[in-house]
N, C-alpha and C. Protein backbone atom coordinates (compact mmCIF):
# COMPACT_ATOMS: atom_id res chain seq x y z
N MET A 1 182.53 87.59 -122.34
CA MET A 1 183.27 88.99 -120.86
C MET A 1 183.95 87.29 -119.45
N ALA A 2 183.23 87.30 -118.82
CA ALA A 2 183.78 86.35 -117.66
C ALA A 2 185.44 86.04 -118.14
N SER A 3 185.42 85.16 -119.53
CA SER A 3 187.53 85.25 -119.23
C SER A 3 187.51 85.94 -119.24
N LEU A 4 187.92 87.08 -119.08
CA LEU A 4 188.63 88.62 -118.80
C LEU A 4 189.00 88.53 -116.86
N ASN A 5 187.71 87.50 -116.15
CA ASN A 5 187.77 87.91 -114.50
C ASN A 5 188.33 86.36 -113.91
N PHE A 6 188.03 85.48 -114.81
CA PHE A 6 188.25 84.08 -114.61
C PHE A 6 189.41 82.95 -115.27
N ALA A 7 189.63 82.45 -115.11
CA ALA A 7 190.50 81.24 -114.81
C ALA A 7 189.94 80.27 -116.74
N ILE A 8 188.84 79.89 -116.49
CA ILE A 8 188.32 79.21 -117.36
C ILE A 8 186.78 80.01 -117.66
N ALA A 9 186.39 79.58 -118.02
CA ALA A 9 185.10 80.29 -117.76
C ALA A 9 183.65 79.68 -120.09
N LYS A 10 182.65 78.67 -119.74
CA LYS A 10 182.54 78.00 -121.32
C LYS A 10 181.06 78.40 -119.80
N LYS A 11 180.47 77.86 -122.01
CA LYS A 11 179.12 77.87 -121.34
C LYS A 11 178.45 76.30 -122.69
N GLN A 12 177.19 76.54 -121.71
CA GLN A 12 176.75 74.81 -122.04
C GLN A 12 177.17 73.92 -121.57
N TYR A 13 178.36 73.92 -120.47
CA TYR A 13 179.02 73.05 -119.93
C TYR A 13 178.31 71.44 -119.23
N VAL A 14 179.52 70.59 -119.92
CA VAL A 14 178.78 68.61 -119.44
C VAL A 14 178.93 68.76 -117.84
N VAL A 15 178.30 69.04 -117.12
CA VAL A 15 178.91 68.49 -114.92
C VAL A 15 179.04 67.25 -114.38
N GLY A 16 178.18 66.27 -115.77
CA GLY A 16 178.28 64.44 -115.23
C GLY A 16 176.95 63.62 -116.43
N ASN A 17 176.96 62.89 -115.80
CA ASN A 17 175.91 62.19 -115.24
C ASN A 17 175.39 61.04 -115.20
N THR A 18 176.45 61.15 -113.49
CA THR A 18 175.74 59.82 -112.32
C THR A 18 176.39 60.95 -111.02
N ILE A 19 175.04 59.57 -110.06
CA ILE A 19 174.89 60.67 -109.16
C ILE A 19 174.54 59.41 -107.99
N SER A 20 175.15 59.86 -106.62
CA SER A 20 175.26 58.59 -105.32
C SER A 20 173.84 58.26 -105.43
N GLU A 21 172.56 57.26 -104.83
CA GLU A 21 171.47 57.18 -104.78
C GLU A 21 170.98 58.39 -103.04
N GLN A 22 172.63 58.05 -102.56
CA GLN A 22 172.18 58.95 -101.09
C GLN A 22 172.48 60.79 -101.32
N ALA A 23 173.00 61.30 -102.42
CA ALA A 23 173.39 62.35 -102.53
C ALA A 23 172.54 62.95 -103.28
N GLN A 24 171.40 62.04 -104.62
CA GLN A 24 169.81 62.59 -104.82
C GLN A 24 168.55 62.43 -103.37
N ASN A 25 168.49 61.53 -102.13
CA ASN A 25 168.51 61.83 -101.67
C ASN A 25 168.33 63.00 -100.78
N GLU A 26 169.85 63.15 -100.58
CA GLU A 26 170.01 64.45 -100.24
C GLU A 26 169.43 65.87 -100.09
N ILE A 27 170.45 65.60 -101.49
CA ILE A 27 169.43 66.95 -102.10
C ILE A 27 167.38 66.90 -102.54
N GLN A 28 167.20 66.11 -102.07
CA GLN A 28 166.07 66.19 -101.95
C GLN A 28 165.20 66.93 -101.16
N HIS A 29 165.65 66.70 -99.74
CA HIS A 29 165.52 67.01 -98.64
C HIS A 29 166.30 68.00 -98.33
N ILE A 30 167.26 68.93 -98.86
CA ILE A 30 167.11 70.51 -98.25
C ILE A 30 165.90 71.27 -99.54
N ILE A 31 166.10 70.14 -100.55
CA ILE A 31 165.40 71.43 -101.22
C ILE A 31 163.38 71.72 -100.62
N ASN A 32 163.82 70.55 -99.91
CA ASN A 32 162.19 70.12 -98.96
C ASN A 32 162.16 71.19 -98.54
N GLU A 33 163.62 71.19 -97.78
CA GLU A 33 163.17 72.08 -96.41
C GLU A 33 163.17 73.59 -96.61
N LEU A 34 163.82 73.70 -97.96
CA LEU A 34 163.83 74.80 -98.20
C LEU A 34 162.90 75.83 -98.58
N THR A 35 161.95 74.53 -99.43
CA THR A 35 161.02 75.04 -99.80
C THR A 35 159.35 75.47 -98.53
N ILE A 36 159.54 75.16 -97.57
CA ILE A 36 158.80 75.22 -96.62
C ILE A 36 159.54 76.01 -95.78
N GLY A 37 160.08 76.50 -95.87
CA GLY A 37 161.02 78.70 -95.65
C GLY A 37 161.89 77.79 -94.39
N ASN A 38 163.11 77.18 -94.82
CA ASN A 38 163.97 76.80 -93.71
C ASN A 38 164.92 77.86 -94.67
N THR A 39 165.43 79.15 -94.28
CA THR A 39 166.64 79.54 -94.08
C THR A 39 168.38 78.70 -94.80
N PRO A 40 168.68 79.19 -95.69
CA PRO A 40 169.45 78.53 -96.02
C PRO A 40 170.94 78.32 -95.89
N ASN A 41 171.93 77.73 -96.34
CA ASN A 41 172.80 77.35 -95.18
C ASN A 41 173.97 77.01 -96.67
N LYS A 42 174.37 77.54 -97.00
CA LYS A 42 175.10 76.71 -98.33
C LYS A 42 176.29 75.84 -97.73
N PHE A 43 177.52 76.66 -96.71
CA PHE A 43 178.44 75.94 -96.79
C PHE A 43 177.44 74.69 -96.00
N GLU A 44 177.01 74.38 -94.95
CA GLU A 44 176.10 73.65 -94.42
C GLU A 44 175.54 72.21 -95.23
N GLU A 45 174.34 72.75 -96.55
CA GLU A 45 173.80 72.17 -97.56
C GLU A 45 175.49 71.37 -98.21
N ILE A 46 176.33 71.53 -98.51
CA ILE A 46 176.90 71.22 -98.99
C ILE A 46 177.95 70.28 -99.08
N GLU A 47 177.69 70.80 -97.18
CA GLU A 47 178.94 69.84 -96.54
C GLU A 47 178.05 67.99 -96.86
N ARG A 48 176.31 68.05 -96.68
CA ARG A 48 175.88 67.64 -96.24
C ARG A 48 176.01 66.73 -97.18
N ILE A 49 175.69 66.97 -98.01
CA ILE A 49 175.49 66.58 -99.95
C ILE A 49 177.48 65.93 -99.65
N ARG A 50 178.02 65.93 -100.09
CA ARG A 50 179.33 65.80 -99.89
C ARG A 50 179.80 64.49 -98.98
N ARG A 51 179.32 64.80 -97.73
CA ARG A 51 179.08 63.05 -96.67
C ARG A 51 178.57 61.99 -97.65
N VAL A 52 178.03 62.05 -98.33
CA VAL A 52 176.90 61.61 -98.91
C VAL A 52 177.09 61.04 -99.94
N SER A 53 177.58 61.70 -101.00
CA SER A 53 178.39 61.53 -102.33
C SER A 53 178.83 60.12 -102.65
N ASP A 54 179.40 59.60 -101.83
CA ASP A 54 180.28 57.97 -102.57
C ASP A 54 179.14 56.70 -101.88
N LYS A 55 177.86 56.99 -100.73
CA LYS A 55 177.23 56.11 -101.24
C LYS A 55 175.54 55.55 -101.49
N GLY A 56 176.56 54.36 -101.55
CA GLY A 56 174.89 53.63 -101.89
C GLY A 56 174.76 53.38 -103.08
N LYS A 57 174.01 53.08 -104.05
CA LYS A 57 174.08 52.91 -104.89
C LYS A 57 174.00 54.53 -106.80
N ILE A 58 175.31 53.77 -107.52
CA ILE A 58 175.59 55.47 -108.60
C ILE A 58 174.95 54.73 -109.46
N ASN A 59 173.98 55.57 -109.50
CA ASN A 59 172.43 55.92 -110.71
C ASN A 59 172.91 56.38 -111.85
N LYS A 60 172.87 56.53 -112.70
CA LYS A 60 172.92 57.18 -114.00
C LYS A 60 171.68 57.63 -114.71
N LEU A 61 172.08 58.64 -115.21
CA LEU A 61 171.52 60.73 -115.15
C LEU A 61 171.06 60.71 -116.73
N LYS A 62 170.59 61.85 -117.26
CA LYS A 62 170.94 61.70 -118.40
C LYS A 62 171.46 62.63 -118.18
N THR A 63 171.79 63.35 -119.02
CA THR A 63 173.90 64.33 -119.54
C THR A 63 173.50 65.19 -118.86
N VAL A 64 174.07 66.10 -117.79
CA VAL A 64 173.23 67.31 -116.72
C VAL A 64 174.89 68.46 -117.45
N LYS A 65 173.91 69.14 -117.87
CA LYS A 65 174.38 71.02 -118.52
C LYS A 65 174.04 71.37 -117.12
N VAL A 66 175.01 72.69 -117.54
CA VAL A 66 174.63 74.07 -116.92
C VAL A 66 174.93 74.97 -118.17
N ASP A 67 174.25 76.30 -117.43
CA ASP A 67 174.42 76.75 -118.96
C ASP A 67 175.52 77.69 -119.09
N ILE A 68 176.48 78.18 -117.57
CA ILE A 68 178.04 79.13 -117.10
C ILE A 68 178.87 77.80 -116.63
N PHE A 69 179.82 77.83 -116.59
CA PHE A 69 180.59 77.57 -115.84
C PHE A 69 181.57 78.55 -115.69
N LEU A 70 182.52 78.67 -115.12
CA LEU A 70 183.59 79.36 -114.29
C LEU A 70 184.01 79.01 -113.39
N LYS A 71 185.29 78.76 -113.55
CA LYS A 71 187.16 78.11 -112.02
C LYS A 71 187.63 79.59 -112.24
N SER A 72 187.49 80.32 -110.85
CA SER A 72 188.54 81.43 -110.09
C SER A 72 190.37 80.59 -110.31
N HIS A 73 190.67 81.95 -110.54
CA HIS A 73 192.04 81.75 -110.54
C HIS A 73 192.28 81.23 -109.31
N ASP A 74 191.74 81.12 -107.84
CA ASP A 74 191.63 80.66 -107.00
C ASP A 74 191.08 79.18 -107.02
N GLY A 75 191.20 78.29 -108.42
CA GLY A 75 189.55 77.07 -108.22
C GLY A 75 188.91 77.07 -107.70
N LYS A 76 188.00 78.10 -107.25
CA LYS A 76 185.95 77.88 -106.83
C LYS A 76 185.66 77.86 -107.96
N VAL A 77 184.80 76.65 -108.19
CA VAL A 77 184.56 76.48 -109.52
C VAL A 77 182.65 77.24 -109.22
N TYR A 78 181.81 78.02 -110.80
CA TYR A 78 180.86 78.12 -110.09
C TYR A 78 179.77 77.91 -110.84
N LEU A 79 178.62 76.88 -111.30
CA LEU A 79 177.90 76.65 -112.12
C LEU A 79 176.62 77.52 -112.34
N PHE A 80 176.32 78.27 -113.12
CA PHE A 80 174.77 79.22 -113.02
C PHE A 80 174.07 77.95 -114.05
N ASP A 81 172.53 78.13 -113.70
CA ASP A 81 172.07 77.07 -114.78
C ASP A 81 170.77 78.49 -114.60
N LEU A 82 170.59 79.34 -116.31
CA LEU A 82 170.33 80.61 -115.64
C LEU A 82 168.00 80.00 -116.20
N LYS A 83 167.35 80.19 -116.00
CA LYS A 83 165.49 79.98 -116.32
C LYS A 83 165.86 81.72 -116.43
N THR A 84 164.87 81.95 -117.36
CA THR A 84 163.68 82.26 -118.08
C THR A 84 162.40 82.38 -117.75
N ALA A 85 161.85 83.70 -116.89
CA ALA A 85 159.71 83.15 -116.79
C ALA A 85 159.27 83.33 -118.00
N LYS A 86 158.05 82.39 -117.52
CA LYS A 86 157.07 82.47 -118.84
C LYS A 86 156.70 83.55 -118.46
N PRO A 87 155.72 84.47 -120.09
CA PRO A 87 154.51 85.03 -120.05
C PRO A 87 153.30 84.58 -119.00
N ASN A 88 152.90 85.73 -118.85
CA ASN A 88 151.77 85.04 -118.35
C ASN A 88 150.04 85.66 -119.15
N ILE A 89 149.40 84.99 -120.53
CA ILE A 89 149.29 85.66 -121.46
C ILE A 89 147.72 85.68 -121.21
């Protein structure tokens, strides 16, 4: 269905397996800020990660996959990782 509206649509897409140490730290800082109630600012958060994306030691990770990868006709990329809630039994 997504391939009707996007240039590329893939499921179980491999994003990569490396991240810089500083990018990993910055992502954790952003998560911590959001956890304590800071208002999300997607554009600022992306820029913060981009600034340090090649700084520090490059760490090898387990292969990172997303459930859905979409690329629009104008080149924007959308990554979705779907989660399901566990029922309370």
